[in-house]
PDB file of N, CA and C in Angstrom:
ATOM      1  N   MET A   1       0.793  -1.179  -0.056  1.00  0.00           N
ATOM      2  CA  MET A   1      -0.077   0.003  -0.062  1.00  0.00           C
ATOM      3  C   MET A   1       0.861   1.245  -0.008  1.00  0.00           C
ATOM      4  N   SER A   2       0.609   2.198  -0.748  1.00  0.00           N
ATOM      5  CA  SER A   2       1.325   3.295  -0.819  1.00  0.00           C
ATOM      6  C   SER A   2       0.575   4.518  -0.248  1.00  0.00           C
ATOM      7  N   ASN A   3       1.095   4.999   0.840  1.00  0.00           N
ATOM      8  CA  ASN A   3       0.402   6.113   1.742  1.00  0.00           C
ATOM      9  C   ASN A   3       0.537   7.397   0.766  1.00  0.00           C
ATOM     10  N   PRO A   4      -0.591   8.368   0.871  1.00  0.00           N
ATOM     11  CA  PRO A   4      -0.428   9.512   0.282  1.00  0.00           C
ATOM     12  C   PRO A   4       0.427  10.579   1.110  1.00  0.00           C
ATOM     13  N   PRO A   5       0.733  11.763   0.432  1.00  0.00           N
ATOM     14  CA  PRO A   5       1.284  12.739   1.165  1.00  0.00           C
ATOM     15  C   PRO A   5       0.296  13.374   2.109  1.00  0.00           C
ATOM     16  N   ARG A   6       0.589  14.229   3.117  1.00  0.00           N
ATOM     17  CA  ARG A   6      -0.416  14.795   3.987  1.00  0.00           C
ATOM     18  C   ARG A   6      -1.180  15.775   3.171  1.00  0.00           C
ATOM     19  N   GLU A   7      -0.682  16.529   2.260  1.00  0.00           N
ATOM     20  CA  GLU A   7      -1.493  17.389   1.365  1.00  0.00           C
ATOM     21  C   GLU A   7      -1.368  17.031  -0.204  1.00  0.00           C
ATOM     22  N   ILE A   8      -2.474  17.285  -0.887  1.00  0.00           N
ATOM     23  CA  ILE A   8      -2.406  17.122  -2.491  1.00  0.00           C
ATOM     24  C   ILE A   8      -2.885  18.339  -3.008  1.00  0.00           C
ATOM     25  N   ASP A   9      -2.075  18.999  -3.783  1.00  0.00           N
ATOM     26  CA  ASP A   9      -2.382  20.315  -4.491  1.00  0.00           C
ATOM     27  C   ASP A   9      -2.780  21.296  -3.194  1.00  0.00           C
ATOM     28  N   GLY A  10      -2.167  21.214  -2.146  1.00  0.00           N
ATOM     29  CA  GLY A  10      -2.513  22.293  -1.070  1.00  0.00           C
ATOM     30  C   GLY A  10      -3.747  21.990  -0.239  1.00  0.00           C
ATOM     31  N   ALA A  11      -4.407  20.760  -0.531  1.00  0.00           N
ATOM     32  CA  ALA A  11      -5.613  20.357   0.265  1.00  0.00           C
ATOM     33  C   ALA A  11      -5.168  19.162   1.189  1.00  0.00           C
ATOM     34  N   ARG A  12      -5.695  19.208   2.529  1.00  0.00           N
ATOM     35  CA  ARG A  12      -5.430  18.255   3.550  1.00  0.00           C
ATOM     36  C   ARG A  12      -6.136  16.822   3.232  1.00  0.00           C
ATOM     37  N   VAL A  13      -5.407  15.915   3.194  1.00  0.00           N
ATOM     38  CA  VAL A  13      -6.010  14.427   2.769  1.00  0.00           C
ATOM     39  C   VAL A  13      -6.804  13.993   4.101  1.00  0.00           C
ATOM     40  N   ILE A  14      -8.051  13.671   4.094  1.00  0.00           N
ATOM     41  CA  ILE A  14      -8.943  13.253   5.016  1.00  0.00           C
ATOM     42  C   ILE A  14      -9.045  11.762   4.919  1.00  0.00           C
ATOM     43  N   GLU A  15      -9.295  11.015   3.761  1.00  0.00           N
ATOM     44  CA  GLU A  15      -9.448   9.703   3.609  1.00  0.00           C
ATOM     45  C   GLU A  15      -8.835   9.384   2.138  1.00  0.00           C
ATOM     46  N   TRP A  16      -8.289   8.258   2.059  1.00  0.00           N
ATOM     47  CA  TRP A  16      -7.744   7.707   0.945  1.00  0.00           C
ATOM     48  C   TRP A  16      -7.831   6.229   0.492  1.00  0.00           C
ATOM     49  N   ALA A  17      -7.591   5.995  -0.553  1.00  0.00           N
ATOM     50  CA  ALA A  17      -7.585   4.554  -1.163  1.00  0.00           C
ATOM     51  C   ALA A  17      -6.509   4.294  -2.131  1.00  0.00           C
ATOM     52  N   TRP A  18      -5.919   3.198  -2.147  1.00  0.00           N
ATOM     53  CA  TRP A  18      -4.796   2.763  -3.117  1.00  0.00           C
ATOM     54  C   TRP A  18      -5.256   1.434  -3.871  1.00  0.00           C
ATOM     55  N   SER A  19      -5.066   1.402  -4.960  1.00  0.00           N
ATOM     56  CA  SER A  19      -5.492   0.275  -5.769  1.00  0.00           C
ATOM     57  C   SER A  19      -4.625  -0.842  -5.829  1.00  0.00           C
ATOM     58  N   GLY A  20      -3.330  -0.800  -5.572  1.00  0.00           N
ATOM     59  CA  GLY A  20      -2.501  -1.751  -5.557  1.00  0.00           C
ATOM     60  C   GLY A  20      -1.741  -1.940  -6.843  1.00  0.00           C
ATOM     61  N   SER A  21      -1.606  -3.054  -7.460  1.00  0.00           N
ATOM     62  CA  SER A  21      -0.842  -3.366  -8.766  1.00  0.00           C
ATOM     63  C   SER A  21      -1.915  -3.017  -9.796  1.00  0.00           C
ATOM     64  N   LYS A  22      -3.027  -2.985  -9.831  1.00  0.00           N
ATOM     65  CA  LYS A  22      -4.008  -2.803 -10.836  1.00  0.00           C
ATOM     66  C   LYS A  22      -4.672  -1.492 -10.596  1.00  0.00           C
ATOM     67  N   PRO A  23      -4.681  -0.465 -11.708  1.00  0.00           N
ATOM     68  CA  PRO A  23      -5.361   0.790 -11.346  1.00  0.00           C
ATOM     69  C   PRO A  23      -6.752   0.843 -11.110  1.00  0.00           C
ATOM     70  N   PHE A  24      -7.315   1.752 -10.338  1.00  0.00           N
ATOM     71  CA  PHE A  24      -8.752   2.011 -10.323  1.00  0.00           C
ATOM     72  C   PHE A  24      -9.366   2.150 -11.828  1.00  0.00           C
ATOM     73  N   GLY A  25      -8.690   2.789 -12.586  1.00  0.00           N
ATOM     74  CA  GLY A  25      -9.156   3.002 -13.936  1.00  0.00           C
ATOM     75  C   GLY A  25      -8.115   4.035 -14.605  1.00  0.00           C
ATOM     76  N   THR A  26      -8.594   4.568 -15.613  1.00  0.00           N
ATOM     77  CA  THR A  26      -7.803   5.530 -16.365  1.00  0.00           C
ATOM     78  C   THR A  26      -8.432   6.930 -16.660  1.00  0.00           C
ATOM     79  N   VAL A  27      -7.527   7.902 -17.084  1.00  0.00           N
ATOM     80  CA  VAL A  27      -7.988   9.197 -17.650  1.00  0.00           C
ATOM     81  C   VAL A  27      -7.544   9.118 -19.084  1.00  0.00           C
ATOM     82  N   CYS A  28      -8.501   9.583 -19.946  1.00  0.00           N
ATOM     83  CA  CYS A  28      -8.213   9.476 -21.372  1.00  0.00           C
ATOM     84  C   CYS A  28      -8.152  10.780 -21.973  1.00  0.00           C
ATOM     85  N   PHE A  29      -7.392  10.972 -23.101  1.00  0.00           N
ATOM     86  CA  PHE A  29      -7.485  12.008 -23.913  1.00  0.00           C
ATOM     87  C   PHE A  29      -8.824  11.972 -24.760  1.00  0.00           C
ATOM     88  N   PRO A  30      -9.356  13.038 -25.267  1.00  0.00           N
ATOM     89  CA  PRO A  30     -10.492  12.987 -26.183  1.00  0.00           C
ATOM     90  C   PRO A  30     -10.477  11.877 -27.257  1.00  0.00           C
ATOM     91  N   ASP A  31      -9.296  11.616 -27.658  1.00  0.00           N
ATOM     92  CA  ASP A  31      -9.375  10.569 -28.728  1.00  0.00           C
ATOM     93  C   ASP A  31      -9.269   9.103 -28.213  1.00  0.00           C
ATOM     94  N   GLY A  32      -9.322   9.121 -26.919  1.00  0.00           N
ATOM     95  CA  GLY A  32      -9.530   7.721 -26.402  1.00  0.00           C
ATOM     96  C   GLY A  32      -8.168   7.064 -25.814  1.00  0.00           C
ATOM     97  N   LYS A  33      -7.120   7.539 -26.199  1.00  0.00           N
ATOM     98  CA  LYS A  33      -5.815   7.159 -25.701  1.00  0.00           C
ATOM     99  C   LYS A  33      -5.764   7.498 -24.140  1.00  0.00           C
ATOM    100  N   VAL A  34      -5.044   6.627 -23.456  1.00  0.00           N
ATOM    101  CA  VAL A  34      -4.875   6.687 -22.079  1.00  0.00           C
ATOM    102  C   VAL A  34      -3.948   7.813 -21.690  1.00  0.00           C
ATOM    103  N   ALA A  35      -4.375   8.783 -20.934  1.00  0.00           N
ATOM    104  CA  ALA A  35      -3.431   9.972 -20.570  1.00  0.00           C
ATOM    105  C   ALA A  35      -2.720   9.497 -19.101  1.00  0.00           C
ATOM    106  N   ALA A  36      -3.514   8.878 -18.211  1.00  0.00           N
ATOM    107  CA  ALA A  36      -2.965   8.455 -16.904  1.00  0.00           C
ATOM    108  C   ALA A  36      -3.739   7.259 -16.412  1.00  0.00           C
ATOM    109  N   GLU A  37      -2.998   6.501 -15.678  1.00  0.00           N
ATOM    110  CA  GLU A  37      -3.774   5.355 -14.843  1.00  0.00           C
ATOM    111  C   GLU A  37      -3.726   5.928 -13.451  1.00  0.00           C
ATOM    112  N   ILE A  38      -4.924   5.571 -12.836  1.00  0.00           N
ATOM    113  CA  ILE A  38      -5.397   6.153 -11.508  1.00  0.00           C
ATOM    114  C   ILE A  38      -5.191   4.994 -10.562  1.00  0.00           C
ATOM    115  N   PHE A  39      -4.069   5.241  -9.638  1.00  0.00           N
ATOM    116  CA  PHE A  39      -4.020   4.194  -8.589  1.00  0.00           C
ATOM    117  C   PHE A  39      -4.297   4.857  -7.262  1.00  0.00           C
ATOM    118  N   GLY A  40      -4.393   5.976  -7.053  1.00  0.00           N
ATOM    119  CA  GLY A  40      -4.751   6.581  -5.689  1.00  0.00           C
ATOM    120  C   GLY A  40      -5.988   7.458  -5.780  1.00  0.00           C
ATOM    121  N   LEU A  41      -6.919   7.421  -4.819  1.00  0.00           N
ATOM    122  CA  LEU A  41      -7.982   8.335  -4.636  1.00  0.00           C
ATOM    123  C   LEU A  41      -7.818   9.034  -3.360  1.00  0.00           C
ATOM    124  N   ALA A  42      -8.037  10.199  -3.207  1.00  0.00           N
ATOM    125  CA  ALA A  42      -7.893  10.895  -2.039  1.00  0.00           C
ATOM    126  C   ALA A  42      -9.079  12.001  -1.745  1.00  0.00           C
ATOM    127  N   LEU A  43      -9.712  11.817  -0.632  1.00  0.00           N
ATOM    128  CA  LEU A  43     -10.851  12.988  -0.319  1.00  0.00           C
ATOM    129  C   LEU A  43     -10.034  13.964   0.580  1.00  0.00           C
ATOM    130  N   CYS A  44     -10.199  15.233   0.009  1.00  0.00           N
ATOM    131  CA  CYS A  44      -9.373  16.113   0.631  1.00  0.00           C
ATOM    132  C   CYS A  44     -10.235  17.567   0.911  1.00  0.00           C
ATOM    133  N   LYS A  45      -9.664  18.401   1.668  1.00  0.00           N
ATOM    134  CA  LYS A  45     -10.259  19.665   2.092  1.00  0.00           C
ATOM    135  C   LYS A  45      -9.238  20.710   2.204  1.00  0.00           C
ATOM    136  N   TYR A  46      -9.608  21.810   1.527  1.00  0.00           N
ATOM    137  CA  TYR A  46      -8.809  23.099   1.555  1.00  0.00           C
ATOM    138  C   TYR A  46      -8.970  23.811   2.817  1.00  0.00           C
ATOM    139  N   PRO A  47      -7.959  24.524   3.427  1.00  0.00           N
ATOM    140  CA  PRO A  47      -8.376  25.292   4.603  1.00  0.00           C
ATOM    141  C   PRO A  47      -9.431  26.261   4.319  1.00  0.00           C
ATOM    142  N   ASN A  48     -10.212  26.734   5.297  1.00  0.00           N
ATOM    143  CA  ASN A  48     -11.506  27.377   5.355  1.00  0.00           C
ATOM    144  C   ASN A  48     -12.416  27.228   4.112  1.00  0.00           C
ATOM    145  N   SER A  49     -12.545  26.014   3.920  1.00  0.00           N
ATOM    146  CA  SER A  49     -13.516  25.577   2.793  1.00  0.00           C
ATOM    147  C   SER A  49     -14.304  24.316   3.502  1.00  0.00           C
ATOM    148  N   GLU A  50     -15.509  24.185   3.122  1.00  0.00           N
ATOM    149  CA  GLU A  50     -16.288  22.928   3.386  1.00  0.00           C
ATOM    150  C   GLU A  50     -16.467  21.974   2.388  1.00  0.00           C
ATOM    151  N   ILE A  51     -15.983  22.291   1.191  1.00  0.00           N
ATOM    152  CA  ILE A  51     -16.109  21.585   0.046  1.00  0.00           C
ATOM    153  C   ILE A  51     -15.217  20.334   0.204  1.00  0.00           C
ATOM    154  N   ILE A  52     -15.510  19.272  -0.114  1.00  0.00           N
ATOM    155  CA  ILE A  52     -14.671  18.051  -0.275  1.00  0.00           C
ATOM    156  C   ILE A  52     -14.258  17.861  -1.734  1.00  0.00           C
ATOM    157  N   TYR A  53     -13.090  17.588  -1.987  1.00  0.00           N
ATOM    158  CA  TYR A  53     -12.410  17.286  -3.168  1.00  0.00           C
ATOM    159  C   TYR A  53     -12.018  15.844  -3.411  1.00  0.00           C
ATOM    160  N   ARG A  54     -12.455  15.216  -4.382  1.00  0.00           N
ATOM    161  CA  ARG A  54     -11.811  13.743  -4.727  1.00  0.00           C
ATOM    162  C   ARG A  54     -10.798  14.028  -5.686  1.00  0.00           C
ATOM    163  N   PHE A  55      -9.692  13.783  -5.324  1.00  0.00           N
ATOM    164  CA  PHE A  55      -8.550  13.793  -6.273  1.00  0.00           C
ATOM    165  C   PHE A  55      -8.237  12.445  -6.759  1.00  0.00           C
ATOM    166  N   SER A  56      -8.142  12.259  -8.089  1.00  0.00           N
ATOM    167  CA  SER A  56      -7.723  10.981  -8.747  1.00  0.00           C
ATOM    168  C   SER A  56      -6.210  11.184  -9.238  1.00  0.00           C
ATOM    169  N   CYS A  57      -5.504  10.216  -8.624  1.00  0.00           N
ATOM    170  CA  CYS A  57      -4.104  10.464  -8.639  1.00  0.00           C
ATOM    171  C   CYS A  57      -3.280   9.260  -9.435  1.00  0.00           C
ATOM    172  N   ASP A  58      -2.035   9.544  -9.865  1.00  0.00           N
ATOM    173  CA  ASP A  58      -1.382   8.537 -10.512  1.00  0.00           C
ATOM    174  C   ASP A  58      -0.523   7.755  -9.594  1.00  0.00           C
ATOM    175  N   SER A  59       0.327   6.896  -9.864  1.00  0.00           N
ATOM    176  CA  SER A  59       1.032   6.090  -8.882  1.00  0.00           C
ATOM    177  C   SER A  59       2.183   6.909  -8.000  1.00  0.00           C
ATOM    178  N   ASP A  60       2.208   8.053  -8.309  1.00  0.00           N
ATOM    179  CA  ASP A  60       3.028   9.025  -7.472  1.00  0.00           C
ATOM    180  C   ASP A  60       2.171  10.120  -6.691  1.00  0.00           C
ATOM    181  N   TRP A  61       0.953   9.773  -6.577  1.00  0.00           N
ATOM    182  CA  TRP A  61      -0.079  10.749  -6.050  1.00  0.00           C
ATOM    183  C   TRP A  61      -0.008  12.131  -6.441  1.00  0.00           C
ATOM    184  N   GLU A  62       0.383  12.202  -7.786  1.00  0.00           N
ATOM    185  CA  GLU A  62       0.142  13.581  -8.632  1.00  0.00           C
ATOM    186  C   GLU A  62      -1.361  13.474  -9.166  1.00  0.00           C
ATOM    187  N   SER A  63      -2.075  14.450  -8.773  1.00  0.00           N
ATOM    188  CA  SER A  63      -3.378  14.601  -9.149  1.00  0.00           C
ATOM    189  C   SER A  63      -3.486  14.793 -10.605  1.00  0.00           C
ATOM    190  N   GLU A  64      -4.499  13.781 -11.154  1.00  0.00           N
ATOM    191  CA  GLU A  64      -4.729  13.926 -12.604  1.00  0.00           C
ATOM    192  C   GLU A  64      -6.168  14.401 -12.882  1.00  0.00           C
ATOM    193  N   GLN A  65      -7.002  14.349 -11.888  1.00  0.00           N
ATOM    194  CA  GLN A  65      -8.447  14.877 -11.995  1.00  0.00           C
ATOM    195  C   GLN A  65      -8.995  15.189 -10.632  1.00  0.00           C
ATOM    196  N   ASP A  66      -9.836  16.107 -10.587  1.00  0.00           N
ATOM    197  CA  ASP A  66     -10.613  16.315  -9.227  1.00  0.00           C
ATOM    198  C   ASP A  66     -12.048  16.652  -9.516  1.00  0.00           C
ATOM    199  N   SER A  67     -12.800  16.494  -8.423  1.00  0.00           N
ATOM    200  CA  SER A  67     -14.158  16.636  -8.453  1.00  0.00           C
ATOM    201  C   SER A  67     -14.592  17.252  -7.136  1.00  0.00           C
ATOM    202  N   GLU A  68     -15.682  18.002  -7.108  1.00  0.00           N
ATOM    203  CA  GLU A  68     -16.087  18.695  -5.843  1.00  0.00           C
ATOM    204  C   GLU A  68     -17.356  18.038  -5.368  1.00  0.00           C
ATOM    205  N   TYR A  69     -17.581  17.826  -3.956  1.00  0.00           N
ATOM    206  CA  TYR A  69     -18.592  17.269  -3.285  1.00  0.00           C
ATOM    207  C   TYR A  69     -18.984  17.940  -2.009  1.00  0.00           C
ATOM    208  N   ALA A  70     -20.162  17.910  -1.540  1.00  0.00           N
ATOM    209  CA  ALA A  70     -20.754  18.424  -0.399  1.00  0.00           C
ATOM    210  C   ALA A  70     -20.348  17.717   0.903  1.00  0.00           C
ATOM    211  N   SER A  71     -20.018  16.354   0.818  1.00  0.00           N
ATOM    212  CA  SER A  71     -19.552  15.620   1.864  1.00  0.00           C
ATOM    213  C   SER A  71     -18.716  14.419   1.503  1.00  0.00           C
ATOM    214  N   ILE A  72     -18.064  13.803   2.378  1.00  0.00           N
ATOM    215  CA  ILE A  72     -17.313  12.705   2.277  1.00  0.00           C
ATOM    216  C   ILE A  72     -18.096  11.485   1.699  1.00  0.00           C
ATOM    217  N   GLN A  73     -19.307  11.369   2.341  1.00  0.00           N
ATOM    218  CA  GLN A  73     -20.367  10.228   1.811  1.00  0.00           C
ATOM    219  C   GLN A  73     -20.673  10.375   0.309  1.00  0.00           C
ATOM    220  N   GLU A  74     -21.007  11.642   0.023  1.00  0.00           N
ATOM    221  CA  GLU A  74     -21.396  11.946  -1.479  1.00  0.00           C
ATOM    222  C   GLU A  74     -20.132  11.629  -2.336  1.00  0.00           C
ATOM    223  N   ALA A  75     -18.948  11.936  -2.018  1.00  0.00           N
ATOM    224  CA  ALA A  75     -17.732  11.698  -2.783  1.00  0.00           C
ATOM    225  C   ALA A  75     -17.458  10.152  -2.985  1.00  0.00           C
ATOM    226  N   LYS A  76     -17.903   9.342  -2.104  1.00  0.00           N
ATOM    227  CA  LYS A  76     -17.743   7.964  -2.061  1.00  0.00           C
ATOM    228  C   LYS A  76     -18.890   7.305  -2.980  1.00  0.00           C
ATOM    229  N   ALA A  77     -20.030   8.040  -2.916  1.00  0.00           N
ATOM    230  CA  ALA A  77     -21.076   7.402  -3.544  1.00  0.00           C
ATOM    231  C   ALA A  77     -21.074   7.643  -4.856  1.00  0.00           C
ATOM    232  N   HIS A  78     -20.432   8.718  -5.269  1.00  0.00           N
ATOM    233  CA  HIS A  78     -20.533   9.133  -6.695  1.00  0.00           C
ATOM    234  C   HIS A  78     -19.088   8.843  -7.457  1.00  0.00           C
ATOM    235  N   LEU A  79     -18.410   7.695  -7.097  1.00  0.00           N
ATOM    236  CA  LEU A  79     -17.217   7.422  -7.820  1.00  0.00           C
ATOM    237  C   LEU A  79     -17.466   7.029  -9.166  1.00  0.00           C
ATOM    238  N   PRO A  80     -16.848   7.675 -10.090  1.00  0.00           N
ATOM    239  CA  PRO A  80     -17.188   7.337 -11.416  1.00  0.00           C
ATOM    240  C   PRO A  80     -16.987   5.785 -11.927  1.00  0.00           C
ATOM    241  N   SER A  81     -17.752   5.489 -12.854  1.00  0.00           N
ATOM    242  CA  SER A  81     -17.647   4.086 -13.331  1.00  0.00           C
ATOM    243  C   SER A  81     -16.085   3.804 -13.882  1.00  0.00           C
ATOM    244  N   GLN A  82     -15.502   4.746 -14.375  1.00  0.00           N
ATOM    245  CA  GLN A  82     -14.288   4.665 -14.929  1.00  0.00           C
ATOM    246  C   GLN A  82     -13.255   4.372 -13.898  1.00  0.00           C
ATOM    247  N   TYR A  83     -13.502   4.645 -12.433  1.00  0.00           N
ATOM    248  CA  TYR A  83     -12.554   4.288 -11.472  1.00  0.00           C
ATOM    249  C   TYR A  83     -12.950   3.058 -10.546  1.00  0.00           C
ATOM    250  N   GLN A  84     -13.712   2.251 -11.233  1.00  0.00           N
ATOM    251  CA  GLN A  84     -14.252   1.148 -10.452  1.00  0.00           C
ATOM    252  C   GLN A  84     -13.866  -0.321 -10.818  1.00  0.00           C
ATOM    253  N   ASN A  85     -12.541  -0.340 -11.331  1.00  0.00           N
ATOM    254  CA  ASN A  85     -11.840  -1.574 -11.800  1.00  0.00           C
ATOM    255  C   ASN A  85     -11.330  -2.274 -10.433  1.00  0.00           C
ATOM    256  N   VAL A  86     -11.198  -1.623  -9.548  1.00  0.00           N
ATOM    257  CA  VAL A  86     -10.846  -2.056  -8.280  1.00  0.00           C
ATOM    258  C   VAL A  86     -11.706  -1.483  -7.076  1.00  0.00           C
ATOM    259  N   VAL A  87     -12.027  -2.214  -6.234  1.00  0.00           N
ATOM    260  CA  VAL A  87     -13.014  -1.794  -5.199  1.00  0.00           C
ATOM    261  C   VAL A  87     -11.955  -0.759  -4.199  1.00  0.00           C
ATOM    262  N   ALA A  88     -12.640   0.349  -4.099  1.00  0.00           N
ATOM    263  CA  ALA A  88     -11.796   1.443  -3.191  1.00  0.00           C
ATOM    264  C   ALA A  88     -12.127   1.129  -1.486  1.00  0.00           C
ATOM    265  N   ASN A  89     -10.971   0.736  -1.005  1.00  0.00           N
ATOM    266  CA  ASN A  89     -10.997   0.517   0.398  1.00  0.00           C
ATOM    267  C   ASN A  89     -10.568   1.621   1.259  1.00  0.00           C
ATOM    268  N   TRP A  90     -11.284   2.467   1.745  1.00  0.00           N
ATOM    269  CA  TRP A  90     -10.878   3.832   2.166  1.00  0.00           C
ATOM    270  C   TRP A  90     -10.285   3.724   3.575  1.00  0.00           C
ATOM    271  N   GLN A  91      -9.158   4.562   3.756  1.00  0.00           N
ATOM    272  CA  GLN A  91      -8.466   4.538   5.006  1.00  0.00           C
ATOM    273  C   GLN A  91      -8.421   6.088   5.368  1.00  0.00           C
ATOM    274  N   LYS A  92      -8.673   6.265   6.753  1.00  0.00           N
ATOM    275  CA  LYS A  92      -8.548   7.621   7.294  1.00  0.00           C
ATOM    276  C   LYS A  92      -7.010   7.899   7.402  1.00  0.00           C
ATOM    277  N   TYR A  93      -6.788   9.233   7.087  1.00  0.00           N
ATOM    278  CA  TYR A  93      -5.350   9.691   7.188  1.00  0.00           C
ATOM    279  C   TYR A  93      -5.050   9.934   8.668  1.00  0.00           C
ATOM    280  N   ASP A  94      -4.113   9.437   9.184  1.00  0.00           N
ATOM    281  CA  ASP A  94      -3.786   9.440  10.649  1.00  0.00           C
ATOM    282  C   ASP A  94      -2.935  10.662  10.859  1.00  0.00           C
TER     283      ASP A  94
END
């Protein structure tokens, strides 16, 4: 398991999931070619904000895509089908 950094793009990691040797899914260019494989998912929050961000990250925890949600539960419930090749086992950041 690869633990994320404390912050991703300046937002504090609250919960995270790591896919292991097989990615959760991919991010593709408009022509359908793979732009990045997603191995890490992180639920994060910026200081002085109530918005939860889901960062979809490559194998080095570099953010490839993000989405905004009103809550952690909403972010988990709305995981796109493109990131469901592996079940996300969420961990709280200690």
